[in-house]
Amino acid sequence: MNDRILLTTKDILEKDFKIDTRGYRPQEVDKFLDIIIHDYEEYEAVISDMKKTQKEIMEENARLKQENRSLHTKLDVLSETGGESTNVSNADVLRRLSNLEKIIYGKE
């Protein structure tokens, strides 16, 4: 999954430890490894959800930026023509543009 993560859930599950006379209790080790496996599975699910959310946010951001550019273009055209060729008022375009910039750039 990632070069920085050394173990997978399968690696943990299949790990065998050598037992000597002073070794750990195998049942305790297995129980602890089961907890670690569960945590790894949860981390993988959380990361997957975050990647999905990130993709959705990036797509929405791109859409809003495109809409922002389009409104800037419309505003420029309105400024050049004096607003005669459209029914949209300059105030409406400026208000919508301001709202989009707040969404995109987080301004309040």
N, C-alpha and C. Protein backbone atom coordinates (compact mmCIF):
# COMPACT_ATOMS: atom_id res chain seq x y z
N MET A 1 0.83 -1.20 0.00
CA MET A 1 0.00 0.00 0.00
C MET A 1 0.87 1.25 0.00
N ASN A 2 1.86 1.30 0.87
CA ASN A 2 2.68 2.50 1.01
C ASN A 2 4.10 2.06 1.34
N ASP A 3 5.08 2.71 0.76
CA ASP A 3 6.48 2.33 1.01
C ASP A 3 6.91 2.59 2.45
N ARG A 4 6.22 3.47 3.13
CA ARG A 4 6.60 3.79 4.51
C ARG A 4 6.02 2.81 5.50
N ILE A 5 4.99 2.07 5.12
CA ILE A 5 4.37 1.10 6.02
C ILE A 5 4.99 -0.26 5.74
N LEU A 6 5.61 -0.83 6.74
CA LEU A 6 6.37 -2.06 6.56
C LEU A 6 5.53 -3.32 6.65
N LEU A 7 4.47 -3.31 7.45
CA LEU A 7 3.69 -4.51 7.68
C LEU A 7 2.29 -4.38 7.11
N THR A 8 1.80 -5.51 6.62
CA THR A 8 0.40 -5.59 6.22
C THR A 8 -0.32 -6.45 7.26
N THR A 9 -1.62 -6.48 7.17
CA THR A 9 -2.37 -7.32 8.11
C THR A 9 -1.98 -8.78 7.91
N LYS A 10 -1.71 -9.18 6.68
CA LYS A 10 -1.30 -10.56 6.40
C LYS A 10 0.05 -10.86 7.05
N ASP A 11 1.00 -9.91 6.95
CA ASP A 11 2.31 -10.09 7.59
C ASP A 11 2.17 -10.34 9.09
N ILE A 12 1.31 -9.56 9.70
CA ILE A 12 1.12 -9.69 11.15
C ILE A 12 0.46 -11.02 11.48
N LEU A 13 -0.56 -11.37 10.72
CA LEU A 13 -1.30 -12.60 10.97
C LEU A 13 -0.41 -13.83 10.82
N GLU A 14 0.47 -13.82 9.84
CA GLU A 14 1.28 -15.00 9.55
C GLU A 14 2.63 -15.02 10.28
N LYS A 15 2.89 -14.05 11.12
CA LYS A 15 4.17 -13.98 11.83
C LYS A 15 4.25 -15.11 12.86
N ASP A 16 5.34 -15.87 12.82
CA ASP A 16 5.61 -16.91 13.80
C ASP A 16 6.81 -16.49 14.64
N PHE A 17 6.66 -16.64 15.93
CA PHE A 17 7.74 -16.30 16.84
C PHE A 17 8.39 -17.58 17.34
N LYS A 18 9.71 -17.53 17.49
CA LYS A 18 10.43 -18.66 18.06
C LYS A 18 10.19 -18.66 19.56
N ILE A 19 10.01 -19.84 20.11
CA ILE A 19 9.76 -19.94 21.54
C ILE A 19 10.96 -20.62 22.20
N ASP A 20 11.47 -19.98 23.23
CA ASP A 20 12.53 -20.61 24.01
C ASP A 20 12.03 -20.79 25.44
N THR A 21 12.88 -21.19 26.30
CA THR A 21 12.46 -21.49 27.68
C THR A 21 11.94 -20.26 28.41
N ARG A 22 12.37 -19.08 28.03
CA ARG A 22 11.91 -17.86 28.67
C ARG A 22 10.97 -17.06 27.75
N GLY A 23 10.37 -17.68 26.79
CA GLY A 23 9.55 -17.01 25.80
C GLY A 23 8.23 -16.49 26.35
N TYR A 24 7.55 -15.77 25.52
CA TYR A 24 6.24 -15.22 25.87
C TYR A 24 5.18 -16.30 25.71
N ARG A 25 4.04 -16.07 26.33
CA ARG A 25 2.92 -16.98 26.17
C ARG A 25 2.32 -16.77 24.78
N PRO A 26 2.29 -17.81 23.97
CA PRO A 26 1.78 -17.67 22.60
C PRO A 26 0.35 -17.11 22.54
N GLN A 27 -0.48 -17.46 23.49
CA GLN A 27 -1.87 -16.96 23.48
C GLN A 27 -1.90 -15.45 23.67
N GLU A 28 -1.05 -14.91 24.53
CA GLU A 28 -1.02 -13.47 24.75
C GLU A 28 -0.50 -12.74 23.50
N VAL A 29 0.52 -13.31 22.88
CA VAL A 29 1.06 -12.70 21.67
C VAL A 29 -0.01 -12.71 20.58
N ASP A 30 -0.68 -13.85 20.40
CA ASP A 30 -1.73 -13.95 19.38
C ASP A 30 -2.86 -12.96 19.63
N LYS A 31 -3.26 -12.83 20.88
CA LYS A 31 -4.34 -11.90 21.22
C LYS A 31 -3.92 -10.46 20.91
N PHE A 32 -2.70 -10.10 21.26
CA PHE A 32 -2.21 -8.76 20.98
C PHE A 32 -2.09 -8.51 19.48
N LEU A 33 -1.60 -9.50 18.74
CA LEU A 33 -1.49 -9.36 17.29
C LEU A 33 -2.87 -9.22 16.65
N ASP A 34 -3.87 -9.89 17.20
CA ASP A 34 -5.24 -9.74 16.68
C ASP A 34 -5.72 -8.30 16.83
N ILE A 35 -5.37 -7.68 17.94
CA ILE A 35 -5.73 -6.26 18.16
C ILE A 35 -5.02 -5.38 17.14
N ILE A 36 -3.75 -5.65 16.91
CA ILE A 36 -2.97 -4.87 15.94
C ILE A 36 -3.55 -5.03 14.54
N ILE A 37 -3.91 -6.25 14.17
CA ILE A 37 -4.52 -6.50 12.86
C ILE A 37 -5.80 -5.70 12.71
N HIS A 38 -6.62 -5.71 13.75
CA HIS A 38 -7.87 -4.95 13.70
C HIS A 38 -7.59 -3.47 13.51
N ASP A 39 -6.60 -2.95 14.22
CA ASP A 39 -6.25 -1.53 14.06
C ASP A 39 -5.75 -1.23 12.65
N TYR A 40 -4.94 -2.09 12.09
CA TYR A 40 -4.47 -1.90 10.71
C TYR A 40 -5.64 -1.85 9.75
N GLU A 41 -6.60 -2.76 9.92
CA GLU A 41 -7.77 -2.77 9.05
C GLU A 41 -8.55 -1.47 9.18
N GLU A 42 -8.69 -0.98 10.40
CA GLU A 42 -9.38 0.30 10.63
C GLU A 42 -8.63 1.46 9.99
N TYR A 43 -7.29 1.47 10.15
CA TYR A 43 -6.49 2.52 9.53
C TYR A 43 -6.66 2.51 8.01
N GLU A 44 -6.64 1.32 7.42
CA GLU A 44 -6.82 1.21 5.98
C GLU A 44 -8.19 1.75 5.56
N ALA A 45 -9.23 1.45 6.34
CA ALA A 45 -10.57 1.95 6.02
C ALA A 45 -10.63 3.47 6.15
N VAL A 46 -10.03 4.01 7.20
CA VAL A 46 -10.02 5.46 7.42
C VAL A 46 -9.26 6.15 6.28
N ILE A 47 -8.12 5.61 5.90
CA ILE A 47 -7.33 6.20 4.82
C ILE A 47 -8.12 6.15 3.51
N SER A 48 -8.77 5.05 3.26
CA SER A 48 -9.58 4.93 2.04
C SER A 48 -10.70 5.96 2.02
N ASP A 49 -11.38 6.13 3.14
CA ASP A 49 -12.45 7.14 3.24
C ASP A 49 -11.89 8.54 3.03
N MET A 50 -10.74 8.82 3.62
CA MET A 50 -10.14 10.15 3.48
C MET A 50 -9.72 10.42 2.05
N LYS A 51 -9.19 9.41 1.36
CA LYS A 51 -8.81 9.59 -0.03
C LYS A 51 -10.04 9.87 -0.89
N LYS A 52 -11.13 9.17 -0.61
CA LYS A 52 -12.38 9.40 -1.35
C LYS A 52 -12.88 10.82 -1.11
N THR A 53 -12.88 11.25 0.15
CA THR A 53 -13.31 12.60 0.48
C THR A 53 -12.40 13.64 -0.16
N GLN A 54 -11.11 13.40 -0.13
CA GLN A 54 -10.15 14.32 -0.74
C GLN A 54 -10.43 14.46 -2.23
N LYS A 55 -10.68 13.34 -2.90
CA LYS A 55 -10.96 13.38 -4.34
C LYS A 55 -12.22 14.19 -4.61
N GLU A 56 -13.27 13.98 -3.80
CA GLU A 56 -14.51 14.72 -3.98
C GLU A 56 -14.30 16.21 -3.76
N ILE A 57 -13.53 16.57 -2.75
CA ILE A 57 -13.26 17.97 -2.45
C ILE A 57 -12.45 18.61 -3.58
N MET A 58 -11.46 17.88 -4.10
CA MET A 58 -10.65 18.42 -5.19
C MET A 58 -11.50 18.63 -6.45
N GLU A 59 -12.40 17.69 -6.72
CA GLU A 59 -13.28 17.85 -7.88
C GLU A 59 -14.21 19.04 -7.70
N GLU A 60 -14.76 19.19 -6.50
CA GLU A 60 -15.64 20.33 -6.21
C GLU A 60 -14.87 21.64 -6.31
N ASN A 61 -13.66 21.65 -5.80
CA ASN A 61 -12.82 22.84 -5.86
C ASN A 61 -12.53 23.22 -7.32
N ALA A 62 -12.21 22.24 -8.15
CA ALA A 62 -11.95 22.51 -9.56
C ALA A 62 -13.20 23.06 -10.24
N ARG A 63 -14.36 22.49 -9.91
CA ARG A 63 -15.61 22.97 -10.49
C ARG A 63 -15.88 24.41 -10.08
N LEU A 64 -15.67 24.71 -8.80
CA LEU A 64 -15.89 26.08 -8.32
C LEU A 64 -14.90 27.07 -8.93
N LYS A 65 -13.66 26.65 -9.09
CA LYS A 65 -12.68 27.53 -9.73
C LYS A 65 -13.08 27.82 -11.17
N GLN A 66 -13.57 26.80 -11.88
CA GLN A 66 -14.00 27.00 -13.26
C GLN A 66 -15.19 27.96 -13.30
N GLU A 67 -16.13 27.76 -12.38
CA GLU A 67 -17.29 28.66 -12.32
C GLU A 67 -16.85 30.08 -11.99
N ASN A 68 -15.88 30.20 -11.10
CA ASN A 68 -15.33 31.51 -10.73
C ASN A 68 -14.71 32.19 -11.96
N ARG A 69 -13.91 31.44 -12.73
CA ARG A 69 -13.30 31.99 -13.95
C ARG A 69 -14.38 32.43 -14.94
N SER A 70 -15.42 31.59 -15.06
CA SER A 70 -16.51 31.91 -15.98
C SER A 70 -17.21 33.20 -15.56
N LEU A 71 -17.44 33.35 -14.27
CA LEU A 71 -18.09 34.57 -13.78
C LEU A 71 -17.20 35.79 -13.96
N HIS A 72 -15.90 35.62 -13.77
CA HIS A 72 -14.97 36.73 -14.01
C HIS A 72 -15.05 37.15 -15.48
N THR A 73 -15.09 36.15 -16.37
CA THR A 73 -15.20 36.45 -17.80
C THR A 73 -16.49 37.19 -18.10
N LYS A 74 -17.59 36.70 -17.53
CA LYS A 74 -18.89 37.37 -17.75
C LYS A 74 -18.86 38.80 -17.22
N LEU A 75 -18.23 38.97 -16.07
CA LEU A 75 -18.13 40.30 -15.48
C LEU A 75 -17.31 41.23 -16.38
N ASP A 76 -16.22 40.69 -16.93
CA ASP A 76 -15.41 41.50 -17.85
C ASP A 76 -16.22 41.90 -19.08
N VAL A 77 -16.99 40.95 -19.62
CA VAL A 77 -17.82 41.25 -20.79
C VAL A 77 -18.86 42.29 -20.43
N LEU A 78 -19.48 42.14 -19.26
CA LEU A 78 -20.48 43.11 -18.83
C LEU A 78 -19.87 44.50 -18.65
N SER A 79 -18.69 44.53 -18.13
CA SER A 79 -18.02 45.81 -17.92
C SER A 79 -17.73 46.49 -19.26
N GLU A 80 -17.32 45.69 -20.24
CA GLU A 80 -16.98 46.23 -21.56
C GLU A 80 -18.22 46.68 -22.33
N THR A 81 -19.33 45.95 -22.18
CA THR A 81 -20.54 46.27 -22.95
C THR A 81 -21.50 47.17 -22.19
N GLY A 82 -21.19 47.43 -20.96
CA GLY A 82 -22.09 48.25 -20.15
C GLY A 82 -23.30 47.48 -19.66
N GLY A 83 -23.28 46.15 -19.79
CA GLY A 83 -24.36 45.32 -19.27
C GLY A 83 -25.59 45.30 -20.13
N GLU A 84 -25.51 45.80 -21.35
CA GLU A 84 -26.69 45.91 -22.21
C GLU A 84 -27.09 44.58 -22.83
N SER A 85 -26.14 43.63 -23.02
CA SER A 85 -26.44 42.42 -23.77
C SER A 85 -26.92 41.26 -22.90
N THR A 86 -27.17 41.47 -21.65
CA THR A 86 -27.60 40.36 -20.79
C THR A 86 -28.59 40.85 -19.76
N ASN A 87 -29.36 39.90 -19.23
CA ASN A 87 -30.35 40.23 -18.20
C ASN A 87 -29.75 40.18 -16.79
N VAL A 88 -28.55 39.66 -16.67
CA VAL A 88 -27.91 39.52 -15.36
C VAL A 88 -27.34 40.87 -14.96
N SER A 89 -27.69 41.32 -13.77
CA SER A 89 -27.17 42.61 -13.32
C SER A 89 -25.75 42.46 -12.78
N ASN A 90 -25.00 43.52 -12.83
CA ASN A 90 -23.63 43.50 -12.31
C ASN A 90 -23.62 43.14 -10.82
N ALA A 91 -24.58 43.63 -10.08
CA ALA A 91 -24.64 43.35 -8.65
C ALA A 91 -24.82 41.86 -8.40
N ASP A 92 -25.65 41.19 -9.22
CA ASP A 92 -25.86 39.75 -9.06
C ASP A 92 -24.59 38.97 -9.37
N VAL A 93 -23.89 39.35 -10.41
CA VAL A 93 -22.65 38.68 -10.78
C VAL A 93 -21.60 38.89 -9.69
N LEU A 94 -21.48 40.12 -9.21
CA LEU A 94 -20.50 40.40 -8.14
C LEU A 94 -20.83 39.64 -6.87
N ARG A 95 -22.10 39.56 -6.52
CA ARG A 95 -22.51 38.83 -5.31
C ARG A 95 -22.19 37.34 -5.45
N ARG A 96 -22.49 36.76 -6.61
CA ARG A 96 -22.21 35.34 -6.84
C ARG A 96 -20.72 35.08 -6.85
N LEU A 97 -19.97 35.96 -7.49
CA LEU A 97 -18.52 35.83 -7.53
C LEU A 97 -17.92 35.90 -6.13
N SER A 98 -18.42 36.81 -5.33
CA SER A 98 -17.94 36.95 -3.95
C SER A 98 -18.21 35.68 -3.15
N ASN A 99 -19.39 35.11 -3.32
CA ASN A 99 -19.74 33.87 -2.60
C ASN A 99 -18.84 32.72 -3.04
N LEU A 100 -18.57 32.61 -4.33
CA LEU A 100 -17.69 31.55 -4.81
C LEU A 100 -16.28 31.71 -4.26
N GLU A 101 -15.79 32.94 -4.24
CA GLU A 101 -14.44 33.16 -3.69
C GLU A 101 -14.39 32.80 -2.21
N LYS A 102 -15.45 33.06 -1.49
CA LYS A 102 -15.49 32.68 -0.07
C LYS A 102 -15.41 31.17 0.07
N ILE A 103 -16.13 30.45 -0.79
CA ILE A 103 -16.12 28.99 -0.73
C ILE A 103 -14.76 28.46 -1.11
N ILE A 104 -14.19 28.96 -2.19
CA ILE A 104 -12.92 28.43 -2.70
C ILE A 104 -11.76 28.78 -1.79
N TYR A 105 -11.69 30.02 -1.37
CA TYR A 105 -10.52 30.47 -0.62
C TYR A 105 -10.73 30.54 0.88
N GLY A 106 -11.93 30.20 1.35
CA GLY A 106 -12.20 30.16 2.79
C GLY A 106 -12.28 31.50 3.43
N LYS A 107 -12.54 32.55 2.66
CA LYS A 107 -12.65 33.90 3.22
C LYS A 107 -14.01 34.04 3.87
N GLU A 108 -14.03 34.82 4.94
CA GLU A 108 -15.31 35.06 5.61
C GLU A 108 -15.66 36.52 5.57
